[in-house]
Amino acid sequence: GFEYLILDSLALANMFFRSDENVKVLACPLLI
């Protein structure tokens, strides 16, 4: 139940912070 109780609870709270998706559409200089 780790995934359901911990990881899925973030999604249920609308917490995604999808930098992986965001950086795919950005065009400005990016330094990591």
PDB file of all heavy atoms in Angstrom:
ATOM      1  N   GLY A   1       0.787  -1.227   0.000  1.00  0.00           N
ATOM      2  CA  GLY A   1       0.000   0.000   0.000  1.00  0.00           C
ATOM      3  C   GLY A   1       0.819   1.278   0.000  1.00  0.00           C
ATOM      4  O   GLY A   1       0.252   2.363   0.028  1.00  0.00           O
ATOM      5  N   PHE A   2       2.150   1.166  -0.035  1.00  0.00           N
ATOM      6  CA  PHE A   2       2.997   2.374  -0.016  1.00  0.00           C
ATOM      7  C   PHE A   2       2.613   3.325  -1.146  1.00  0.00           C
ATOM      8  O   PHE A   2       2.417   4.518  -0.923  1.00  0.00           O
ATOM      9  CB  PHE A   2       4.478   2.002  -0.126  1.00  0.00           C
ATOM     10  CG  PHE A   2       5.383   3.185  -0.390  1.00  0.00           C
ATOM     11  CD1 PHE A   2       5.646   4.100   0.610  1.00  0.00           C
ATOM     12  CD2 PHE A   2       5.959   3.383  -1.641  1.00  0.00           C
ATOM     13  CE1 PHE A   2       6.466   5.202   0.374  1.00  0.00           C
ATOM     14  CE2 PHE A   2       6.775   4.472  -1.882  1.00  0.00           C
ATOM     15  CZ  PHE A   2       7.042   5.382  -0.876  1.00  0.00           C
ATOM     16  N   GLU A   3       2.501   2.789  -2.363  1.00  0.00           N
ATOM     17  CA  GLU A   3       2.177   3.659  -3.497  1.00  0.00           C
ATOM     18  C   GLU A   3       0.819   4.317  -3.310  1.00  0.00           C
ATOM     19  O   GLU A   3       0.672   5.510  -3.536  1.00  0.00           O
ATOM     20  CB  GLU A   3       2.222   2.875  -4.807  1.00  0.00           C
ATOM     21  CG  GLU A   3       3.629   2.572  -5.246  1.00  0.00           C
ATOM     22  CD  GLU A   3       3.716   2.157  -6.700  1.00  0.00           C
ATOM     23  OE1 GLU A   3       2.782   2.434  -7.473  1.00  0.00           O
ATOM     24  OE2 GLU A   3       4.747   1.569  -7.061  1.00  0.00           O
ATOM     25  N   TYR A   4      -0.159   3.550  -2.894  1.00  0.00           N
ATOM     26  CA  TYR A   4      -1.496   4.112  -2.716  1.00  0.00           C
ATOM     27  C   TYR A   4      -1.531   5.131  -1.580  1.00  0.00           C
ATOM     28  O   TYR A   4      -2.033   6.244  -1.748  1.00  0.00           O
ATOM     29  CB  TYR A   4      -2.516   3.001  -2.457  1.00  0.00           C
ATOM     30  CG  TYR A   4      -3.879   3.544  -2.098  1.00  0.00           C
ATOM     31  CD1 TYR A   4      -4.692   4.115  -3.069  1.00  0.00           C
ATOM     32  CD2 TYR A   4      -4.323   3.543  -0.778  1.00  0.00           C
ATOM     33  CE1 TYR A   4      -5.923   4.648  -2.740  1.00  0.00           C
ATOM     34  CE2 TYR A   4      -5.558   4.066  -0.449  1.00  0.00           C
ATOM     35  CZ  TYR A   4      -6.361   4.619  -1.423  1.00  0.00           C
ATOM     36  OH  TYR A   4      -7.565   5.162  -1.097  1.00  0.00           O
ATOM     37  N   LEU A   5      -1.013   4.762  -0.421  1.00  0.00           N
ATOM     38  CA  LEU A   5      -1.117   5.625   0.763  1.00  0.00           C
ATOM     39  C   LEU A   5      -0.243   6.870   0.687  1.00  0.00           C
ATOM     40  O   LEU A   5      -0.647   7.940   1.117  1.00  0.00           O
ATOM     41  CB  LEU A   5      -0.772   4.835   2.029  1.00  0.00           C
ATOM     42  CG  LEU A   5      -1.768   3.743   2.393  1.00  0.00           C
ATOM     43  CD1 LEU A   5      -1.231   2.891   3.530  1.00  0.00           C
ATOM     44  CD2 LEU A   5      -3.117   4.341   2.755  1.00  0.00           C
ATOM     45  N   ILE A   6       0.941   6.738   0.140  1.00  0.00           N
ATOM     46  CA  ILE A   6       1.872   7.870   0.119  1.00  0.00           C
ATOM     47  C   ILE A   6       1.863   8.565  -1.245  1.00  0.00           C
ATOM     48  O   ILE A   6       1.553   9.747  -1.355  1.00  0.00           O
ATOM     49  CB  ILE A   6       3.303   7.413   0.474  1.00  0.00           C
ATOM     50  CG1 ILE A   6       3.339   6.709   1.824  1.00  0.00           C
ATOM     51  CG2 ILE A   6       4.260   8.606   0.425  1.00  0.00           C
ATOM     52  CD1 ILE A   6       2.931   7.538   3.018  1.00  0.00           C
ATOM     53  N   LEU A   7       2.207   7.822  -2.279  1.00  0.00           N
ATOM     54  CA  LEU A   7       2.385   8.447  -3.590  1.00  0.00           C
ATOM     55  C   LEU A   7       1.067   8.885  -4.225  1.00  0.00           C
ATOM     56  O   LEU A   7       0.963   9.990  -4.747  1.00  0.00           O
ATOM     57  CB  LEU A   7       3.149   7.504  -4.519  1.00  0.00           C
ATOM     58  CG  LEU A   7       4.526   7.043  -3.994  1.00  0.00           C
ATOM     59  CD1 LEU A   7       5.201   6.160  -5.030  1.00  0.00           C
ATOM     60  CD2 LEU A   7       5.396   8.220  -3.619  1.00  0.00           C
ATOM     61  N   ASP A   8       0.062   8.038  -4.165  1.00  0.00           N
ATOM     62  CA  ASP A   8      -1.218   8.399  -4.770  1.00  0.00           C
ATOM     63  C   ASP A   8      -1.935   9.501  -3.994  1.00  0.00           C
ATOM     64  O   ASP A   8      -2.723  10.254  -4.560  1.00  0.00           O
ATOM     65  CB  ASP A   8      -2.128   7.181  -4.900  1.00  0.00           C
ATOM     66  CG  ASP A   8      -1.610   6.173  -5.920  1.00  0.00           C
ATOM     67  OD1 ASP A   8      -0.722   6.534  -6.711  1.00  0.00           O
ATOM     68  OD2 ASP A   8      -2.084   5.018  -5.910  1.00  0.00           O
ATOM     69  N   SER A   9      -1.648   9.616  -2.696  1.00  0.00           N
ATOM     70  CA  SER A   9      -2.294  10.667  -1.902  1.00  0.00           C
ATOM     71  C   SER A   9      -1.865  12.054  -2.372  1.00  0.00           C
ATOM     72  O   SER A   9      -2.632  13.011  -2.284  1.00  0.00           O
ATOM     73  CB  SER A   9      -2.005  10.490  -0.414  1.00  0.00           C
ATOM     74  OG  SER A   9      -0.635  10.690  -0.146  1.00  0.00           O
ATOM     75  N   LEU A  10      -0.657  12.161  -2.903  1.00  0.00           N
ATOM     76  CA  LEU A  10      -0.209  13.445  -3.462  1.00  0.00           C
ATOM     77  C   LEU A  10      -1.071  13.822  -4.669  1.00  0.00           C
ATOM     78  O   LEU A  10      -1.476  14.971  -4.818  1.00  0.00           O
ATOM     79  CB  LEU A  10       1.264  13.365  -3.863  1.00  0.00           C
ATOM     80  CG  LEU A  10       2.243  13.216  -2.714  1.00  0.00           C
ATOM     81  CD1 LEU A  10       3.617  12.815  -3.233  1.00  0.00           C
ATOM     82  CD2 LEU A  10       2.318  14.501  -1.915  1.00  0.00           C
ATOM     83  N   ALA A  11      -1.348  12.851  -5.522  1.00  0.00           N
ATOM     84  CA  ALA A  11      -2.187  13.103  -6.695  1.00  0.00           C
ATOM     85  C   ALA A  11      -3.607  13.454  -6.278  1.00  0.00           C
ATOM     86  O   ALA A  11      -4.227  14.357  -6.857  1.00  0.00           O
ATOM     87  CB  ALA A  11      -2.190  11.897  -7.624  1.00  0.00           C
ATOM     88  N   LEU A  12      -4.110  12.786  -5.256  1.00  0.00           N
ATOM     89  CA  LEU A  12      -5.461  13.081  -4.774  1.00  0.00           C
ATOM     90  C   LEU A  12      -5.549  14.504  -4.219  1.00  0.00           C
ATOM     91  O   LEU A  12      -6.609  15.113  -4.226  1.00  0.00           O
ATOM     92  CB  LEU A  12      -5.890  12.068  -3.713  1.00  0.00           C
ATOM     93  CG  LEU A  12      -6.109  10.643  -4.239  1.00  0.00           C
ATOM     94  CD1 LEU A  12      -6.342   9.676  -3.076  1.00  0.00           C
ATOM     95  CD2 LEU A  12      -7.272  10.597  -5.212  1.00  0.00           C
ATOM     96  N   ALA A  13      -4.412  15.018  -3.750  1.00  0.00           N
ATOM     97  CA  ALA A  13      -4.367  16.383  -3.240  1.00  0.00           C
ATOM     98  C   ALA A  13      -3.973  17.381  -4.336  1.00  0.00           C
ATOM     99  O   ALA A  13      -3.649  18.538  -4.052  1.00  0.00           O
ATOM    100  CB  ALA A  13      -3.381  16.473  -2.073  1.00  0.00           C
ATOM    101  N   ASN A  14      -3.988  16.928  -5.593  1.00  0.00           N
ATOM    102  CA  ASN A  14      -3.601  17.768  -6.739  1.00  0.00           C
ATOM    103  C   ASN A  14      -2.195  18.335  -6.608  1.00  0.00           C
ATOM    104  O   ASN A  14      -1.945  19.489  -6.932  1.00  0.00           O
ATOM    105  CB  ASN A  14      -4.617  18.891  -6.965  1.00  0.00           C
ATOM    106  CG  ASN A  14      -5.916  18.361  -7.515  1.00  0.00           C
ATOM    107  OD1 ASN A  14      -5.911  17.518  -8.407  1.00  0.00           O
ATOM    108  ND2 ASN A  14      -7.021  18.827  -6.973  1.00  0.00           N
ATOM    109  N   MET A  15      -1.282  17.511  -6.113  1.00  0.00           N
ATOM    110  CA  MET A  15       0.132  17.887  -5.993  1.00  0.00           C
ATOM    111  C   MET A  15       0.914  17.024  -6.983  1.00  0.00           C
ATOM    112  O   MET A  15       1.086  15.827  -6.763  1.00  0.00           O
ATOM    113  CB  MET A  15       0.642  17.648  -4.579  1.00  0.00           C
ATOM    114  CG  MET A  15      -0.084  18.455  -3.521  1.00  0.00           C
ATOM    115  SD  MET A  15       0.370  20.182  -3.541  1.00  0.00           S
ATOM    116  CE  MET A  15       1.405  20.238  -2.119  1.00  0.00           C
ATOM    117  N   PHE A  16       1.358  17.645  -8.082  1.00  0.00           N
ATOM    118  CA  PHE A  16       2.064  16.907  -9.123  1.00  0.00           C
ATOM    119  C   PHE A  16       3.464  17.474  -9.384  1.00  0.00           C
ATOM    120  O   PHE A  16       4.395  16.735  -9.575  1.00  0.00           O
ATOM    121  CB  PHE A  16       1.259  16.902 -10.425  1.00  0.00           C
ATOM    122  CG  PHE A  16      -0.094  16.273 -10.282  1.00  0.00           C
ATOM    123  CD1 PHE A  16      -1.229  17.065 -10.144  1.00  0.00           C
ATOM    124  CD2 PHE A  16      -0.238  14.900 -10.262  1.00  0.00           C
ATOM    125  CE1 PHE A  16      -2.483  16.486 -10.009  1.00  0.00           C
ATOM    126  CE2 PHE A  16      -1.486  14.307 -10.120  1.00  0.00           C
ATOM    127  CZ  PHE A  16      -2.621  15.114  -9.993  1.00  0.00           C
ATOM    128  N   PHE A  17       3.575  18.798  -9.436  1.00  0.00           N
ATOM    129  CA  PHE A  17       4.853  19.468  -9.698  1.00  0.00           C
ATOM    130  C   PHE A  17       5.623  18.735 -10.805  1.00  0.00           C
ATOM    131  O   PHE A  17       6.696  18.210 -10.596  1.00  0.00           O
ATOM    132  CB  PHE A  17       5.684  19.588  -8.425  1.00  0.00           C
ATOM    133  CG  PHE A  17       5.045  20.455  -7.391  1.00  0.00           C
ATOM    134  CD1 PHE A  17       4.404  19.887  -6.295  1.00  0.00           C
ATOM    135  CD2 PHE A  17       5.067  21.832  -7.507  1.00  0.00           C
ATOM    136  CE1 PHE A  17       3.807  20.691  -5.338  1.00  0.00           C
ATOM    137  CE2 PHE A  17       4.469  22.646  -6.552  1.00  0.00           C
ATOM    138  CZ  PHE A  17       3.837  22.060  -5.468  1.00  0.00           C
ATOM    139  N   ARG A  18       5.067  18.761 -12.002  1.00  0.00           N
ATOM    140  CA  ARG A  18       5.589  17.997 -13.150  1.00  0.00           C
ATOM    141  C   ARG A  18       6.675  18.761 -13.910  1.00  0.00           C
ATOM    142  O   ARG A  18       6.486  19.157 -15.059  1.00  0.00           O
ATOM    143  CB  ARG A  18       4.449  17.658 -14.090  1.00  0.00           C
ATOM    144  CG  ARG A  18       3.448  16.716 -13.509  1.00  0.00           C
ATOM    145  CD  ARG A  18       2.379  16.372 -14.559  1.00  0.00           C
ATOM    146  NE  ARG A  18       1.414  15.447 -14.030  1.00  0.00           N
ATOM    147  CZ  ARG A  18       0.122  15.741 -13.875  1.00  0.00           C
ATOM    148  NH1 ARG A  18      -0.343  16.930 -14.222  1.00  0.00           N
ATOM    149  NH2 ARG A  18      -0.704  14.841 -13.387  1.00  0.00           N
ATOM    150  N   SER A  19       7.807  18.921 -13.275  1.00  0.00           N
ATOM    151  CA  SER A  19       8.922  19.570 -13.974  1.00  0.00           C
ATOM    152  C   SER A  19       9.308  18.795 -15.218  1.00  0.00           C
ATOM    153  O   SER A  19       9.715  19.386 -16.219  1.00  0.00           O
ATOM    154  CB  SER A  19      10.135  19.708 -13.046  1.00  0.00           C
ATOM    155  OG  SER A  19       9.878  20.657 -12.048  1.00  0.00           O
ATOM    156  N   ASP A  20       9.175  17.460 -15.176  1.00  0.00           N
ATOM    157  CA  ASP A  20       9.509  16.646 -16.342  1.00  0.00           C
ATOM    158  C   ASP A  20       8.659  17.023 -17.550  1.00  0.00           C
ATOM    159  O   ASP A  20       9.151  17.059 -18.682  1.00  0.00           O
ATOM    160  CB  ASP A  20       9.404  15.151 -16.045  1.00  0.00           C
ATOM    161  CG  ASP A  20       8.101  14.731 -15.357  1.00  0.00           C
ATOM    162  OD1 ASP A  20       7.245  15.593 -15.060  1.00  0.00           O
ATOM    163  OD2 ASP A  20       7.944  13.526 -15.113  1.00  0.00           O
ATOM    164  N   GLU A  21       7.392  17.346 -17.339  1.00  0.00           N
ATOM    165  CA  GLU A  21       6.526  17.779 -18.430  1.00  0.00           C
ATOM    166  C   GLU A  21       6.770  19.249 -18.780  1.00  0.00           C
ATOM    167  O   GLU A  21       6.740  19.632 -19.946  1.00  0.00           O
ATOM    168  CB  GLU A  21       5.053  17.563 -18.070  1.00  0.00           C
ATOM    169  CG  GLU A  21       4.676  16.094 -17.908  1.00  0.00           C
ATOM    170  CD  GLU A  21       4.915  15.279 -19.172  1.00  0.00           C
ATOM    171  OE1 GLU A  21       4.628  15.788 -20.275  1.00  0.00           O
ATOM    172  OE2 GLU A  21       5.397  14.138 -19.050  1.00  0.00           O
ATOM    173  N   ASN A  22       7.007  20.056 -17.769  1.00  0.00           N
ATOM    174  CA  ASN A  22       7.197  21.496 -17.997  1.00  0.00           C
ATOM    175  C   ASN A  22       8.436  21.793 -18.835  1.00  0.00           C
ATOM    176  O   ASN A  22       8.382  22.620 -19.744  1.00  0.00           O
ATOM    177  CB  ASN A  22       7.278  22.237 -16.668  1.00  0.00           C
ATOM    178  CG  ASN A  22       5.972  22.207 -15.903  1.00  0.00           C
ATOM    179  OD1 ASN A  22       4.902  22.005 -16.485  1.00  0.00           O
ATOM    180  ND2 ASN A  22       6.038  22.390 -14.607  1.00  0.00           N
ATOM    181  N   VAL A  23       9.563  21.129 -18.525  1.00  0.00           N
ATOM    182  CA  VAL A  23      10.797  21.442 -19.260  1.00  0.00           C
ATOM    183  C   VAL A  23      10.721  21.046 -20.729  1.00  0.00           C
ATOM    184  O   VAL A  23      11.485  21.554 -21.543  1.00  0.00           O
ATOM    185  CB  VAL A  23      12.053  20.818 -18.605  1.00  0.00           C
ATOM    186  CG1 VAL A  23      12.252  21.362 -17.194  1.00  0.00           C
ATOM    187  CG2 VAL A  23      12.022  19.306 -18.629  1.00  0.00           C
ATOM    188  N   LYS A  24       9.781  20.193 -21.076  1.00  0.00           N
ATOM    189  CA  LYS A  24       9.641  19.771 -22.478  1.00  0.00           C
ATOM    190  C   LYS A  24       9.081  20.872 -23.365  1.00  0.00           C
ATOM    191  O   LYS A  24       9.214  20.808 -24.580  1.00  0.00           O
ATOM    192  CB  LYS A  24       8.737  18.535 -22.572  1.00  0.00           C
ATOM    193  CG  LYS A  24       9.365  17.289 -21.998  1.00  0.00           C
ATOM    194  CD  LYS A  24       8.393  16.130 -22.060  1.00  0.00           C
ATOM    195  CE  LYS A  24       8.960  14.889 -21.411  1.00  0.00           C
ATOM    196  NZ  LYS A  24       7.989  13.787 -21.390  1.00  0.00           N
ATOM    197  N   VAL A  25       8.450  21.884 -22.763  1.00  0.00           N
ATOM    198  CA  VAL A  25       7.854  22.957 -23.564  1.00  0.00           C
ATOM    199  C   VAL A  25       8.531  24.312 -23.351  1.00  0.00           C
ATOM    200  O   VAL A  25       8.230  25.258 -24.067  1.00  0.00           O
ATOM    201  CB  VAL A  25       6.331  23.086 -23.297  1.00  0.00           C
ATOM    202  CG1 VAL A  25       5.612  21.807 -23.684  1.00  0.00           C
ATOM    203  CG2 VAL A  25       6.049  23.442 -21.856  1.00  0.00           C
ATOM    204  N   LEU A  26       9.429  24.404 -22.397  1.00  0.00           N
ATOM    205  CA  LEU A  26      10.104  25.681 -22.143  1.00  0.00           C
ATOM    206  C   LEU A  26      11.139  25.972 -23.226  1.00  0.00           C
ATOM    207  O   LEU A  26      11.634  25.062 -23.884  1.00  0.00           O
ATOM    208  CB  LEU A  26      10.776  25.669 -20.769  1.00  0.00           C
ATOM    209  CG  LEU A  26       9.849  25.530 -19.571  1.00  0.00           C
ATOM    210  CD1 LEU A  26      10.655  25.498 -18.275  1.00  0.00           C
ATOM    211  CD2 LEU A  26       8.828  26.659 -19.534  1.00  0.00           C
ATOM    212  N   ALA A  27      11.452  27.245 -23.389  1.00  0.00           N
ATOM    213  CA  ALA A  27      12.449  27.646 -24.373  1.00  0.00           C
ATOM    214  C   ALA A  27      13.527  28.546 -23.774  1.00  0.00           C
ATOM    215  O   ALA A  27      14.530  28.816 -24.420  1.00  0.00           O
ATOM    216  CB  ALA A  27      11.769  28.365 -25.541  1.00  0.00           C
ATOM    217  N   CYS A  28      13.339  29.013 -22.540  1.00  0.00           N
ATOM    218  CA  CYS A  28      14.306  29.922 -21.921  1.00  0.00           C
ATOM    219  C   CYS A  28      15.539  29.141 -21.452  1.00  0.00           C
ATOM    220  O   CYS A  28      15.478  27.923 -21.278  1.00  0.00           O
ATOM    221  CB  CYS A  28      13.670  30.651 -20.741  1.00  0.00           C
ATOM    222  SG  CYS A  28      13.165  29.569 -19.393  1.00  0.00           S
ATOM    223  N   PRO A  29      16.657  29.830 -21.253  1.00  0.00           N
ATOM    224  CA  PRO A  29      17.843  29.147 -20.729  1.00  0.00           C
ATOM    225  C   PRO A  29      17.527  28.446 -19.408  1.00  0.00           C
ATOM    226  O   PRO A  29      16.834  28.991 -18.549  1.00  0.00           O
ATOM    227  CB  PRO A  29      18.846  30.280 -20.530  1.00  0.00           C
ATOM    228  CG  PRO A  29      18.428  31.318 -21.523  1.00  0.00           C
ATOM    229  CD  PRO A  29      16.926  31.238 -21.548  1.00  0.00           C
ATOM    230  N   LEU A  30      18.047  27.229 -19.268  1.00  0.00           N
ATOM    231  CA  LEU A  30      17.784  26.396 -18.098  1.00  0.00           C
ATOM    232  C   LEU A  30      19.106  25.857 -17.565  1.00  0.00           C
ATOM    233  O   LEU A  30      19.863  25.228 -18.299  1.00  0.00           O
ATOM    234  CB  LEU A  30      16.863  25.239 -18.491  1.00  0.00           C
ATOM    235  CG  LEU A  30      16.597  24.148 -17.464  1.00  0.00           C
ATOM    236  CD1 LEU A  30      15.846  24.703 -16.258  1.00  0.00           C
ATOM    237  CD2 LEU A  30      15.809  23.003 -18.088  1.00  0.00           C
ATOM    238  N   LEU A  31      19.355  26.119 -16.290  1.00  0.00           N
ATOM    239  CA  LEU A  31      20.553  25.618 -15.629  1.00  0.00           C
ATOM    240  C   LEU A  31      20.125  24.735 -14.476  1.00  0.00           C
ATOM    241  O   LEU A  31      19.355  25.162 -13.608  1.00  0.00           O
ATOM    242  CB  LEU A  31      21.411  26.785 -15.106  1.00  0.00           C
ATOM    243  CG  LEU A  31      22.633  26.414 -14.264  1.00  0.00           C
ATOM    244  CD1 LEU A  31      23.627  25.570 -15.064  1.00  0.00           C
ATOM    245  CD2 LEU A  31      23.304  27.678 -13.740  1.00  0.00           C
ATOM    246  N   ILE A  32      20.618  23.506 -14.467  1.00  0.00           N
ATOM    247  CA  ILE A  32      20.306  22.559 -13.398  1.00  0.00           C
ATOM    248  C   ILE A  32      21.564  22.329 -12.582  1.00  0.00           C
ATOM    249  O   ILE A  32      22.625  21.991 -13.129  1.00  0.00           O
ATOM    250  CB  ILE A  32      19.768  21.236 -13.974  1.00  0.00           C
ATOM    251  CG1 ILE A  32      18.441  21.493 -14.709  1.00  0.00           C
ATOM    252  CG2 ILE A  32      19.602  20.189 -12.879  1.00  0.00           C
ATOM    253  CD1 ILE A  32      17.871  20.282 -15.425  1.00  0.00           C
TER     254      ILE A  32
END
